[in-house]
Amino acid sequence: MKIVCKKFSPLERNTLRAFAEIYFADLGMTMRDVAIHTKNGSTWASPPSKPQIKDGVAVKDDAGKIQYSAIIEFSSREAHDKFSAAVISAVCATDDGRRALGAGKPQDKPAFDDEIRF
């Protein structure tokens, strides 16, 4: 499945490094607000999520952080990891993504060609 990073918007907050707009060429679909995170040398992508709401107010944990719920569900951890790897590859194929994530030279292919089963 070929994916391309159409937009990369840096935003550093805790592990968050940016939000990306990802285009799934084979589906003709764009996914906005894909979160790009880094921690302890690892980089991963998380699909968009929404804040949990109760009585019209965002639910917060004991530390005061807003709690989020998944919008997209993967059939397995492996499928999620493939999605994440594909997004990071597409992000690192952009100049902004490489600079923000400290990646080296551009990827040879800014697309993910392995099959992702959902």
N, C-alpha and C. Protein backbone atom coordinates (compact mmCIF):
# COMPACT_ATOMS: atom_id res chain seq x y z
N MET A 1 0.85 -1.17 0.00
CA MET A 1 0.00 0.00 0.00
C MET A 1 0.90 1.23 0.00
N LYS A 2 0.74 2.09 -0.97
CA LYS A 2 1.56 3.29 -1.07
C LYS A 2 0.96 4.41 -0.23
N ILE A 3 1.79 4.99 0.65
CA ILE A 3 1.34 6.14 1.42
C ILE A 3 2.34 7.27 1.29
N VAL A 4 1.84 8.49 1.39
CA VAL A 4 2.66 9.69 1.22
C VAL A 4 2.30 10.68 2.31
N CYS A 5 3.29 11.34 2.86
CA CYS A 5 3.06 12.41 3.82
C CYS A 5 2.80 13.69 3.04
N LYS A 6 1.56 14.19 3.09
CA LYS A 6 1.20 15.40 2.36
C LYS A 6 1.50 16.67 3.15
N LYS A 7 1.47 16.58 4.48
CA LYS A 7 1.69 17.75 5.31
C LYS A 7 2.31 17.30 6.63
N PHE A 8 3.24 18.08 7.13
CA PHE A 8 3.93 17.79 8.37
C PHE A 8 3.93 19.06 9.21
N SER A 9 3.32 19.00 10.39
CA SER A 9 3.20 20.18 11.25
C SER A 9 3.87 19.91 12.59
N PRO A 10 5.10 20.41 12.78
CA PRO A 10 5.80 20.18 14.05
C PRO A 10 5.04 20.77 15.24
N LEU A 11 5.05 20.03 16.34
CA LEU A 11 4.46 20.48 17.60
C LEU A 11 5.07 19.62 18.70
N GLU A 12 6.00 20.20 19.46
CA GLU A 12 6.67 19.43 20.50
C GLU A 12 5.98 19.60 21.84
N ARG A 13 5.51 18.46 22.37
CA ARG A 13 4.85 18.43 23.68
C ARG A 13 5.01 17.02 24.22
N ASN A 14 5.79 16.87 25.29
CA ASN A 14 6.11 15.55 25.85
C ASN A 14 6.70 14.67 24.75
N THR A 15 6.10 13.51 24.43
CA THR A 15 6.66 12.64 23.39
C THR A 15 6.22 13.08 21.99
N LEU A 16 5.20 13.92 21.90
CA LEU A 16 4.68 14.38 20.61
C LEU A 16 5.71 15.25 19.89
N ARG A 17 5.93 14.99 18.60
CA ARG A 17 6.85 15.79 17.80
C ARG A 17 6.14 16.52 16.67
N ALA A 18 4.99 15.98 16.23
CA ALA A 18 4.31 16.60 15.09
C ALA A 18 2.98 15.91 14.84
N PHE A 19 2.21 16.56 13.97
CA PHE A 19 1.03 15.92 13.38
C PHE A 19 1.28 15.85 11.88
N ALA A 20 0.83 14.77 11.27
CA ALA A 20 1.03 14.58 9.84
C ALA A 20 -0.30 14.32 9.15
N GLU A 21 -0.33 14.70 7.88
CA GLU A 21 -1.47 14.39 7.01
C GLU A 21 -0.97 13.32 6.05
N ILE A 22 -1.56 12.14 6.12
CA ILE A 22 -1.08 10.98 5.38
C ILE A 22 -2.08 10.59 4.30
N TYR A 23 -1.58 10.43 3.08
CA TYR A 23 -2.40 10.06 1.93
C TYR A 23 -2.17 8.59 1.59
N PHE A 24 -3.25 7.82 1.58
CA PHE A 24 -3.22 6.40 1.19
C PHE A 24 -3.61 6.34 -0.28
N ALA A 25 -2.63 6.31 -1.16
CA ALA A 25 -2.86 6.43 -2.59
C ALA A 25 -3.79 5.34 -3.13
N ASP A 26 -3.60 4.11 -2.69
CA ASP A 26 -4.41 3.00 -3.20
C ASP A 26 -5.89 3.14 -2.83
N LEU A 27 -6.16 3.83 -1.75
CA LEU A 27 -7.54 4.02 -1.29
C LEU A 27 -8.11 5.38 -1.69
N GLY A 28 -7.24 6.28 -2.11
CA GLY A 28 -7.67 7.64 -2.40
C GLY A 28 -8.15 8.34 -1.14
N MET A 29 -7.52 8.01 0.01
CA MET A 29 -7.96 8.51 1.31
C MET A 29 -6.84 9.28 2.01
N THR A 30 -7.21 10.38 2.66
CA THR A 30 -6.27 11.15 3.46
C THR A 30 -6.67 11.04 4.92
N MET A 31 -5.70 10.74 5.78
CA MET A 31 -5.91 10.69 7.22
C MET A 31 -5.18 11.88 7.83
N ARG A 32 -5.92 12.76 8.48
CA ARG A 32 -5.34 13.95 9.10
C ARG A 32 -5.07 13.69 10.58
N ASP A 33 -4.20 14.50 11.15
CA ASP A 33 -3.91 14.47 12.59
C ASP A 33 -3.32 13.15 13.06
N VAL A 34 -2.45 12.56 12.24
CA VAL A 34 -1.69 11.39 12.68
C VAL A 34 -0.57 11.93 13.57
N ALA A 35 -0.53 11.49 14.81
CA ALA A 35 0.47 11.97 15.77
C ALA A 35 1.79 11.23 15.59
N ILE A 36 2.88 11.99 15.58
CA ILE A 36 4.22 11.42 15.47
C ILE A 36 4.90 11.63 16.82
N HIS A 37 5.37 10.53 17.43
CA HIS A 37 5.97 10.57 18.76
C HIS A 37 7.40 10.03 18.73
N THR A 38 8.21 10.49 19.69
CA THR A 38 9.53 9.90 19.91
C THR A 38 9.77 9.79 21.41
N LYS A 39 10.49 8.72 21.80
CA LYS A 39 10.88 8.54 23.19
C LYS A 39 11.98 7.49 23.24
N ASN A 40 13.04 7.78 23.98
CA ASN A 40 14.13 6.84 24.18
C ASN A 40 14.64 6.23 22.88
N GLY A 41 14.78 7.06 21.85
CA GLY A 41 15.30 6.60 20.57
C GLY A 41 14.30 5.91 19.67
N SER A 42 13.06 5.75 20.11
CA SER A 42 12.02 5.14 19.28
C SER A 42 11.11 6.22 18.71
N THR A 43 10.64 5.99 17.51
CA THR A 43 9.70 6.90 16.85
C THR A 43 8.52 6.07 16.38
N TRP A 44 7.31 6.59 16.61
CA TRP A 44 6.12 5.86 16.18
C TRP A 44 5.01 6.83 15.80
N ALA A 45 4.04 6.29 15.08
CA ALA A 45 2.89 7.07 14.64
C ALA A 45 1.63 6.51 15.28
N SER A 46 0.75 7.41 15.68
CA SER A 46 -0.54 7.01 16.25
C SER A 46 -1.65 7.63 15.42
N PRO A 47 -2.65 6.83 15.04
CA PRO A 47 -3.75 7.39 14.27
C PRO A 47 -4.52 8.42 15.10
N PRO A 48 -5.35 9.23 14.45
CA PRO A 48 -6.09 10.25 15.18
C PRO A 48 -6.95 9.63 16.29
N SER A 49 -7.15 10.40 17.34
CA SER A 49 -8.01 9.98 18.45
C SER A 49 -8.87 11.16 18.87
N LYS A 50 -9.81 10.91 19.77
CA LYS A 50 -10.68 11.99 20.21
C LYS A 50 -10.69 12.02 21.74
N PRO A 51 -10.89 13.20 22.31
CA PRO A 51 -10.93 13.28 23.77
C PRO A 51 -12.18 12.59 24.32
N GLN A 52 -12.03 11.95 25.46
CA GLN A 52 -13.18 11.35 26.12
C GLN A 52 -14.00 12.49 26.76
N ILE A 53 -15.30 12.46 26.57
CA ILE A 53 -16.18 13.52 27.06
C ILE A 53 -17.22 12.91 28.01
N LYS A 54 -17.42 13.56 29.15
CA LYS A 54 -18.46 13.14 30.09
C LYS A 54 -19.18 14.40 30.57
N ASP A 55 -20.46 14.42 30.40
CA ASP A 55 -21.28 15.58 30.79
C ASP A 55 -20.78 16.86 30.13
N GLY A 56 -20.33 16.74 28.88
CA GLY A 56 -19.89 17.90 28.12
C GLY A 56 -18.51 18.42 28.46
N VAL A 57 -17.76 17.69 29.30
CA VAL A 57 -16.43 18.13 29.72
C VAL A 57 -15.42 17.02 29.43
N ALA A 58 -14.23 17.40 28.99
CA ALA A 58 -13.17 16.43 28.72
C ALA A 58 -12.77 15.71 30.01
N VAL A 59 -12.66 14.38 29.94
CA VAL A 59 -12.24 13.58 31.08
C VAL A 59 -10.73 13.69 31.24
N LYS A 60 -10.29 13.91 32.49
CA LYS A 60 -8.85 14.03 32.77
C LYS A 60 -8.44 12.97 33.79
N ASP A 61 -7.16 12.59 33.71
CA ASP A 61 -6.63 11.63 34.69
C ASP A 61 -6.23 12.38 35.97
N ASP A 62 -5.62 11.67 36.91
CA ASP A 62 -5.23 12.27 38.18
C ASP A 62 -4.19 13.37 38.03
N ALA A 63 -3.42 13.31 36.95
CA ALA A 63 -2.39 14.33 36.70
C ALA A 63 -2.96 15.52 35.92
N GLY A 64 -4.24 15.47 35.59
CA GLY A 64 -4.87 16.58 34.86
C GLY A 64 -4.74 16.49 33.35
N LYS A 65 -4.26 15.35 32.83
CA LYS A 65 -4.13 15.18 31.38
C LYS A 65 -5.44 14.65 30.79
N ILE A 66 -5.82 15.21 29.67
CA ILE A 66 -7.03 14.77 28.98
C ILE A 66 -6.85 13.34 28.50
N GLN A 67 -7.89 12.52 28.68
CA GLN A 67 -7.88 11.14 28.23
C GLN A 67 -8.47 11.05 26.82
N TYR A 68 -7.85 10.23 25.98
CA TYR A 68 -8.27 10.10 24.59
C TYR A 68 -8.75 8.69 24.29
N SER A 69 -9.64 8.57 23.31
CA SER A 69 -10.16 7.28 22.85
C SER A 69 -9.79 7.08 21.38
N ALA A 70 -9.51 5.85 21.03
CA ALA A 70 -9.16 5.52 19.65
C ALA A 70 -10.37 5.70 18.73
N ILE A 71 -10.11 6.18 17.54
CA ILE A 71 -11.12 6.28 16.50
C ILE A 71 -10.97 5.11 15.53
N ILE A 72 -9.72 4.70 15.34
CA ILE A 72 -9.39 3.63 14.40
C ILE A 72 -8.84 2.45 15.19
N GLU A 73 -9.31 1.26 14.87
CA GLU A 73 -8.85 0.05 15.55
C GLU A 73 -8.15 -0.86 14.55
N PHE A 74 -7.02 -1.41 14.97
CA PHE A 74 -6.27 -2.35 14.14
C PHE A 74 -6.60 -3.78 14.57
N SER A 75 -6.50 -4.70 13.63
CA SER A 75 -6.84 -6.10 13.92
C SER A 75 -5.79 -6.78 14.80
N SER A 76 -4.58 -6.22 14.83
CA SER A 76 -3.51 -6.82 15.64
C SER A 76 -2.44 -5.77 15.91
N ARG A 77 -1.58 -6.10 16.85
CA ARG A 77 -0.43 -5.23 17.15
C ARG A 77 0.48 -5.14 15.92
N GLU A 78 0.61 -6.25 15.21
CA GLU A 78 1.44 -6.29 14.00
C GLU A 78 0.91 -5.31 12.95
N ALA A 79 -0.41 -5.27 12.76
CA ALA A 79 -1.00 -4.33 11.79
C ALA A 79 -0.75 -2.89 12.22
N HIS A 80 -0.88 -2.62 13.51
CA HIS A 80 -0.61 -1.27 14.01
C HIS A 80 0.86 -0.89 13.79
N ASP A 81 1.77 -1.83 14.07
CA ASP A 81 3.20 -1.57 13.90
C ASP A 81 3.54 -1.32 12.43
N LYS A 82 2.90 -2.04 11.51
CA LYS A 82 3.12 -1.83 10.08
C LYS A 82 2.63 -0.45 9.67
N PHE A 83 1.47 -0.06 10.16
CA PHE A 83 0.94 1.28 9.89
C PHE A 83 1.94 2.33 10.39
N SER A 84 2.40 2.18 11.61
CA SER A 84 3.33 3.13 12.20
C SER A 84 4.62 3.23 11.39
N ALA A 85 5.19 2.09 11.03
CA ALA A 85 6.42 2.08 10.25
C ALA A 85 6.23 2.75 8.89
N ALA A 86 5.08 2.51 8.27
CA ALA A 86 4.79 3.11 6.96
C ALA A 86 4.67 4.61 7.08
N VAL A 87 3.99 5.09 8.10
CA VAL A 87 3.84 6.53 8.30
C VAL A 87 5.19 7.18 8.57
N ILE A 88 5.99 6.58 9.43
CA ILE A 88 7.30 7.16 9.75
C ILE A 88 8.18 7.18 8.50
N SER A 89 8.12 6.15 7.69
CA SER A 89 8.87 6.13 6.44
C SER A 89 8.43 7.27 5.52
N ALA A 90 7.13 7.47 5.41
CA ALA A 90 6.60 8.55 4.56
C ALA A 90 6.99 9.92 5.11
N VAL A 91 6.92 10.08 6.42
CA VAL A 91 7.31 11.35 7.05
C VAL A 91 8.79 11.63 6.82
N CYS A 92 9.62 10.61 6.98
CA CYS A 92 11.07 10.79 6.81
C CYS A 92 11.47 11.02 5.36
N ALA A 93 10.54 10.81 4.44
CA ALA A 93 10.80 11.08 3.02
C ALA A 93 10.62 12.57 2.72
N THR A 94 10.12 13.34 3.70
CA THR A 94 9.96 14.78 3.51
C THR A 94 11.09 15.52 4.20
N ASP A 95 11.46 16.67 3.67
CA ASP A 95 12.52 17.47 4.29
C ASP A 95 12.16 17.87 5.72
N ASP A 96 10.93 18.36 5.93
CA ASP A 96 10.50 18.79 7.26
C ASP A 96 10.51 17.63 8.24
N GLY A 97 10.05 16.48 7.81
CA GLY A 97 10.01 15.30 8.66
C GLY A 97 11.40 14.84 9.06
N ARG A 98 12.31 14.81 8.11
CA ARG A 98 13.70 14.41 8.40
C ARG A 98 14.33 15.36 9.41
N ARG A 99 14.13 16.67 9.21
CA ARG A 99 14.72 17.65 10.13
C ARG A 99 14.13 17.50 11.53
N ALA A 100 12.83 17.37 11.63
CA ALA A 100 12.17 17.30 12.94
C ALA A 100 12.50 16.03 13.69
N LEU A 101 12.67 14.94 12.98
CA LEU A 101 12.93 13.66 13.62
C LEU A 101 14.40 13.29 13.67
N GLY A 102 15.24 14.15 13.11
CA GLY A 102 16.67 13.89 13.14
C GLY A 102 17.09 12.73 12.26
N ALA A 103 16.30 12.45 11.24
CA ALA A 103 16.62 11.34 10.34
C ALA A 103 17.71 11.77 9.36
N GLY A 104 18.35 10.81 8.78
CA GLY A 104 19.41 11.08 7.82
C GLY A 104 18.90 11.43 6.45
N LYS A 105 19.46 10.80 5.43
CA LYS A 105 19.07 11.09 4.05
C LYS A 105 17.66 10.59 3.75
N PRO A 106 17.06 11.06 2.66
CA PRO A 106 15.70 10.61 2.31
C PRO A 106 15.63 9.11 2.13
N GLN A 107 14.48 8.56 2.41
CA GLN A 107 14.25 7.14 2.16
C GLN A 107 14.26 6.91 0.66
N ASP A 108 14.67 5.71 0.25
CA ASP A 108 14.66 5.39 -1.18
C ASP A 108 13.24 5.39 -1.72
N LYS A 109 12.29 4.93 -0.92
CA LYS A 109 10.88 4.89 -1.34
C LYS A 109 10.05 5.60 -0.27
N PRO A 110 9.34 6.66 -0.61
CA PRO A 110 8.49 7.30 0.37
C PRO A 110 7.13 6.62 0.48
N ALA A 111 7.13 5.33 0.32
CA ALA A 111 5.87 4.59 0.34
C ALA A 111 6.07 3.27 1.05
N PHE A 112 5.01 2.67 1.48
CA PHE A 112 5.04 1.39 2.15
C PHE A 112 4.36 0.39 1.23
N ASP A 113 5.11 -0.62 0.79
CA ASP A 113 4.59 -1.53 -0.23
C ASP A 113 4.11 -2.86 0.31
N ASP A 114 4.38 -3.16 1.57
CA ASP A 114 3.89 -4.42 2.13
C ASP A 114 2.40 -4.33 2.36
N GLU A 115 1.75 -5.45 2.35
CA GLU A 115 0.30 -5.48 2.57
C GLU A 115 0.02 -5.24 4.05
N ILE A 116 -0.94 -4.36 4.32
CA ILE A 116 -1.40 -4.12 5.68
C ILE A 116 -2.80 -4.69 5.76
N ARG A 117 -3.00 -5.65 6.65
CA ARG A 117 -4.33 -6.25 6.80
C ARG A 117 -5.06 -5.58 7.95
N PHE A 118 -6.25 -5.12 7.65
CA PHE A 118 -7.07 -4.47 8.68
C PHE A 118 -8.24 -5.35 9.02
